[in-house]
Every structure is written in structure tokens, then in C-alpha cells.
Protein backbone atom coordinates (compact mmCIF):
# COMPACT_ATOMS: atom_id res chain seq x y z
CA MET A 1 30.29 27.89 5.70
CA LYS A 2 31.45 24.34 4.90
CA ASN A 3 30.03 23.15 8.21
CA LEU A 4 26.65 24.73 7.45
CA LYS A 5 26.51 22.98 4.05
CA SER A 6 27.30 19.64 5.68
CA ILE A 7 24.55 20.10 8.24
CA ALA A 8 22.05 21.10 5.53
CA LEU A 9 23.00 18.10 3.40
CA ALA A 10 22.63 15.73 6.36
CA PHE A 11 19.22 17.23 7.12
CA VAL A 12 18.02 16.75 3.51
CA VAL A 13 19.25 13.13 3.47
CA ALA A 14 17.51 12.43 6.79
CA LEU A 15 14.21 13.91 5.57
CA SER A 16 14.29 12.00 2.29
CA THR A 17 14.98 8.74 4.14
CA LEU A 18 11.95 9.31 6.39
CA ALA A 19 9.70 10.07 3.41
CA VAL A 20 10.65 6.83 1.61
CA THR A 21 10.18 4.42 4.53
CA ALA A 22 6.36 4.30 4.51
CA GLN A 23 4.52 2.78 1.55
CA THR A 24 0.76 2.42 1.24
CA LYS A 25 -0.41 -0.46 -0.94
CA LYS A 26 -3.99 -0.25 -2.15
CA VAL A 27 -5.94 -3.51 -1.99
CA ASP A 28 -7.36 -4.81 -5.28
CA VAL A 29 -10.99 -5.23 -4.21
CA SER A 30 -11.88 -7.20 -7.36
CA LYS A 31 -9.34 -9.92 -6.51
CA SER A 32 -9.73 -9.91 -2.71
CA THR A 33 -12.28 -12.02 -0.84
CA ILE A 34 -14.06 -12.10 2.51
CA ASN A 35 -15.84 -15.35 3.37
CA TRP A 36 -18.05 -15.78 6.41
CA VAL A 37 -19.55 -18.69 8.31
CA GLY A 38 -22.37 -18.32 10.84
CA LYS A 39 -23.31 -21.34 12.94
CA LYS A 40 -26.49 -22.41 14.67
CA VAL A 41 -27.49 -25.47 16.69
CA THR A 42 -28.88 -27.23 13.61
CA GLY A 43 -26.11 -26.34 11.13
CA GLU A 44 -24.46 -23.35 9.53
CA HIS A 45 -24.60 -20.88 6.67
CA SER A 46 -21.68 -19.54 4.68
CA GLY A 47 -21.24 -16.71 2.25
CA THR A 48 -19.31 -13.70 1.08
CA VAL A 49 -19.20 -9.94 1.48
CA ALA A 50 -17.15 -7.58 -0.71
CA LEU A 51 -14.50 -5.07 0.15
CA LYS A 52 -15.31 -1.53 -0.94
CA SER A 53 -11.78 -0.24 -0.35
CA GLY A 54 -8.65 -1.07 1.58
CA ALA A 55 -4.97 -0.39 2.02
CA LEU A 56 -2.01 -1.83 3.88
CA VAL A 57 0.90 0.31 5.07
CA PHE A 58 4.47 -0.96 5.10
CA LYS A 59 7.75 0.48 6.40
CA LYS A 60 10.88 -1.28 5.15
CA LYS A 61 8.72 -4.27 4.06
CA ALA A 62 7.19 -4.62 7.55
CA LEU A 63 3.42 -4.26 7.99
CA THR A 64 2.65 -1.12 10.01
CA GLY A 65 -0.97 -0.26 9.26
CA GLY A 66 -4.19 -1.02 7.47
CA THR A 67 -7.64 0.41 6.81
CA PHE A 68 -10.59 -1.34 5.18
CA THR A 69 -14.19 -0.58 4.28
CA VAL A 70 -16.60 -3.45 3.63
CA ASP A 71 -19.70 -3.05 1.45
CA MET A 72 -22.32 -4.70 3.67
CA THR A 73 -24.97 -4.44 0.95
CA THR A 74 -23.10 -7.22 -0.92
CA LEU A 75 -23.60 -9.67 1.96
CA THR A 76 -24.85 -12.96 0.51
CA SER A 77 -25.12 -16.61 1.37
CA THR A 78 -23.35 -19.12 -0.88
CA ASP A 79 -24.83 -22.30 0.55
CA LEU A 80 -28.45 -21.70 -0.50
CA THR A 81 -30.31 -21.08 -3.76
CA GLY A 82 -33.69 -19.83 -4.88
CA GLU A 83 -36.34 -18.76 -2.39
CA TYR A 84 -34.28 -19.74 0.69
CA LEU A 85 -31.31 -17.69 -0.51
CA GLY A 86 -33.53 -14.65 -0.92
CA LYS A 87 -35.07 -15.12 2.53
CA LEU A 88 -31.73 -15.54 4.31
CA ASN A 89 -30.08 -12.63 2.48
CA GLY A 90 -33.06 -10.41 3.25
CA HIS A 91 -32.96 -11.34 6.94
CA LEU A 92 -29.17 -10.84 7.20
CA LYS A 93 -29.53 -7.35 5.68
CA ALA A 94 -32.50 -6.48 7.94
CA ASP A 95 -32.25 -4.77 11.32
CA ASP A 96 -32.27 -8.14 13.15
CA PHE A 97 -28.75 -8.62 11.83
CA PHE A 98 -26.65 -6.06 9.90
CA GLY A 99 -29.22 -3.35 9.05
CA THR A 100 -27.58 -2.55 5.72
CA ASP A 101 -30.10 0.20 4.84
CA LYS A 102 -28.89 2.26 7.80
CA PHE A 103 -25.35 0.85 7.93
CA PRO A 104 -24.21 0.08 4.34
CA THR A 105 -20.54 -0.20 5.32
CA SER A 106 -18.38 -1.64 8.09
CA THR A 107 -14.77 -0.66 8.75
CA LEU A 108 -11.61 -2.21 10.13
CA VAL A 109 -8.71 0.02 11.21
CA PHE A 110 -5.42 -1.46 12.44
CA LYS A 111 -4.35 0.02 15.79
CA THR A 112 -1.37 -2.08 16.92
CA ILE A 113 0.80 -4.53 15.02
CA ALA A 114 3.40 -6.89 16.47
CA ALA A 115 5.74 -8.88 14.23
CA LYS A 116 5.84 -12.61 15.03
CA GLY A 117 8.45 -13.51 12.39
CA ASN A 118 8.20 -15.27 9.01
CA ASP A 119 5.92 -12.53 7.61
CA LEU A 120 3.33 -13.16 10.35
CA TYR A 121 1.90 -10.33 12.46
CA THR A 122 -0.55 -10.04 15.36
CA VAL A 123 -2.94 -7.15 14.76
CA THR A 124 -5.36 -5.46 17.11
CA ALA A 125 -7.86 -3.41 15.13
CA ASP A 126 -11.03 -1.42 15.65
CA LEU A 127 -13.94 -3.15 13.91
CA THR A 128 -17.06 -1.03 13.36
CA ILE A 129 -20.34 -2.78 12.50
CA LYS A 130 -23.75 -1.07 12.77
CA GLY A 131 -22.07 2.06 14.14
CA LYS A 132 -20.53 0.19 17.10
CA THR A 133 -16.76 -0.12 17.43
CA ASN A 134 -14.94 -2.87 19.31
CA PRO A 135 -11.38 -4.21 19.22
CA VAL A 136 -10.57 -7.50 17.49
CA THR A 137 -7.23 -9.31 17.54
CA PHE A 138 -5.99 -11.68 14.85
CA ASP A 139 -2.88 -12.97 13.10
CA ILE A 140 -2.25 -11.95 9.50
CA ALA A 141 0.28 -13.48 7.10
CA VAL A 142 1.81 -11.28 4.40
CA LYS A 143 3.58 -12.92 1.46
CA GLY A 144 4.49 -10.99 -1.68
CA ASN A 145 1.35 -9.18 -2.83
CA THR A 146 -1.09 -11.15 -0.65
CA ALA A 147 -2.24 -11.08 2.94
CA THR A 148 -4.46 -13.66 4.64
CA THR A 149 -6.20 -13.96 7.98
CA SER A 150 -9.03 -15.77 9.75
CA PHE A 151 -10.74 -14.65 12.93
CA LYS A 152 -13.96 -14.77 14.93
CA VAL A 153 -16.31 -11.87 15.61
CA ASP A 154 -18.79 -11.80 18.49
CA ARG A 155 -21.86 -10.33 16.79
CA THR A 156 -23.54 -9.43 20.09
CA LYS A 157 -20.90 -6.72 20.68
CA TYR A 158 -22.39 -4.97 17.63
CA ASP A 159 -26.00 -5.16 18.83
CA ILE A 160 -26.77 -8.21 16.68
CA LYS A 161 -28.66 -10.28 19.23
CA TYR A 162 -31.23 -12.13 17.12
CA GLY A 163 -31.40 -15.80 18.15
CA SER A 164 -28.62 -15.45 20.74
CA LYS A 165 -28.93 -17.65 23.82
CA SER A 166 -26.88 -14.99 25.63
CA PHE A 167 -29.96 -12.73 25.48
CA PHE A 168 -32.98 -14.99 24.96
CA GLU A 169 -34.09 -18.09 26.85
CA GLY A 170 -35.85 -21.13 25.44
CA LEU A 171 -34.55 -20.88 21.88
CA GLY A 172 -33.69 -24.58 21.72
CA ASP A 173 -32.68 -25.61 18.21
CA LYS A 174 -33.36 -22.06 16.93
CA THR A 175 -30.23 -20.79 18.75
CA ILE A 176 -27.67 -18.98 16.58
CA TYR A 177 -24.15 -18.88 18.01
CA ASP A 178 -22.76 -15.48 18.94
CA ASP A 179 -19.48 -15.82 17.02
CA PHE A 180 -19.18 -15.84 13.26
CA ASP A 181 -15.98 -16.69 11.36
CA LEU A 182 -14.27 -14.51 8.76
CA THR A 183 -11.61 -15.66 6.31
CA VAL A 184 -9.97 -12.81 4.41
CA ASN A 185 -7.68 -13.04 1.37
CA LEU A 186 -6.25 -9.72 0.22
CA LYS A 187 -4.45 -8.99 -3.06
CA PHE A 188 -2.56 -5.73 -3.54
């Protein structure tokens, strides 16, 4: 009987240890930022887009997962004003680019995470834009209640081909580069 109690107690301790090891930390979307930069032959445009929701998962203080939803309807340029701002924002939200009427959100789901040391991780995630999913790989730094990363996205993998010299000839100075840059600062 004593042996059975010992086994039961060990089992309960083991289960409670497993339950405590994973912790999901919800991202504070009001304090987190996503900045973008899109470049073309004659210059660049920059702006923001807002997170709708997000969470990071930790086990024993190590990053083990993450899921994010971006509100694409908030996509805006920050380098223009007035009429030109309205025109660019309208075009970015149109079907030529992100088609926000049909695709109001984009998602990022962490798939693999490798620790690099000093609170730095290499993440491979599935990024879904306009209903198309492709892997992206980036480094993310986690310090206290913040996480930061910067990475490039090839827009043509998400059927955003407008102005791409990869698909259209003779664009000259109207060419828009295929990659755009994202800089993400998360607070949780």
C-alpha cells in the first residue's frame, strides 16, 4: 500500500510540473508596433500596420511558440500627407497589393524555434497574406516583457506582383522591389 501511495504521489508531482512549464503571454496590441518599408527605384515609402492579437509561449523562460494576427485594414503610410497619403493607402489596400476587403487579416504562426543564446532565437514561421501561406525565417530577441525582430518579406510569394520586374518588363523607374521590410516591437 505504501508503494502505491508513493507511485501516485510521484505521478501527481510529475503532472503538475508538466502543467506549469508552459506559459502563454498575450501581446499588448496597444503598445506593440509593426513598421514597414517598401522600396522602389525612385525611393521608398514607410508606414505602420496594427496587430489585432498575438501571444508568445514560453517554457522555463525559453521562447517556444507564437501566434499573431495583423489587422491589414489599418495599413497606412507615415511618409506622406494629404491627397498623396489617401492615394497610396487606397492603392495598398486594393487588390493590386493587399486586397484588404477580401483579406482583412494576415497571420504569423511560429513553427520552429532554435535558441541562439543571450535571449536570441531563430524562428521559422508560416506567414499568411492574401490567403497564401509561405515560410519566413528571422531572429527575434526577447528581453523582459519585450520582443523585437526585423525581417524581409517577398511580396510576390503572396500574389502581390504589381510593379514587380520579376513579372513585368519595361517598368523602368516605376519598378517596385519585391521585398518589403518589417520591424516589429512587441510588448507583453
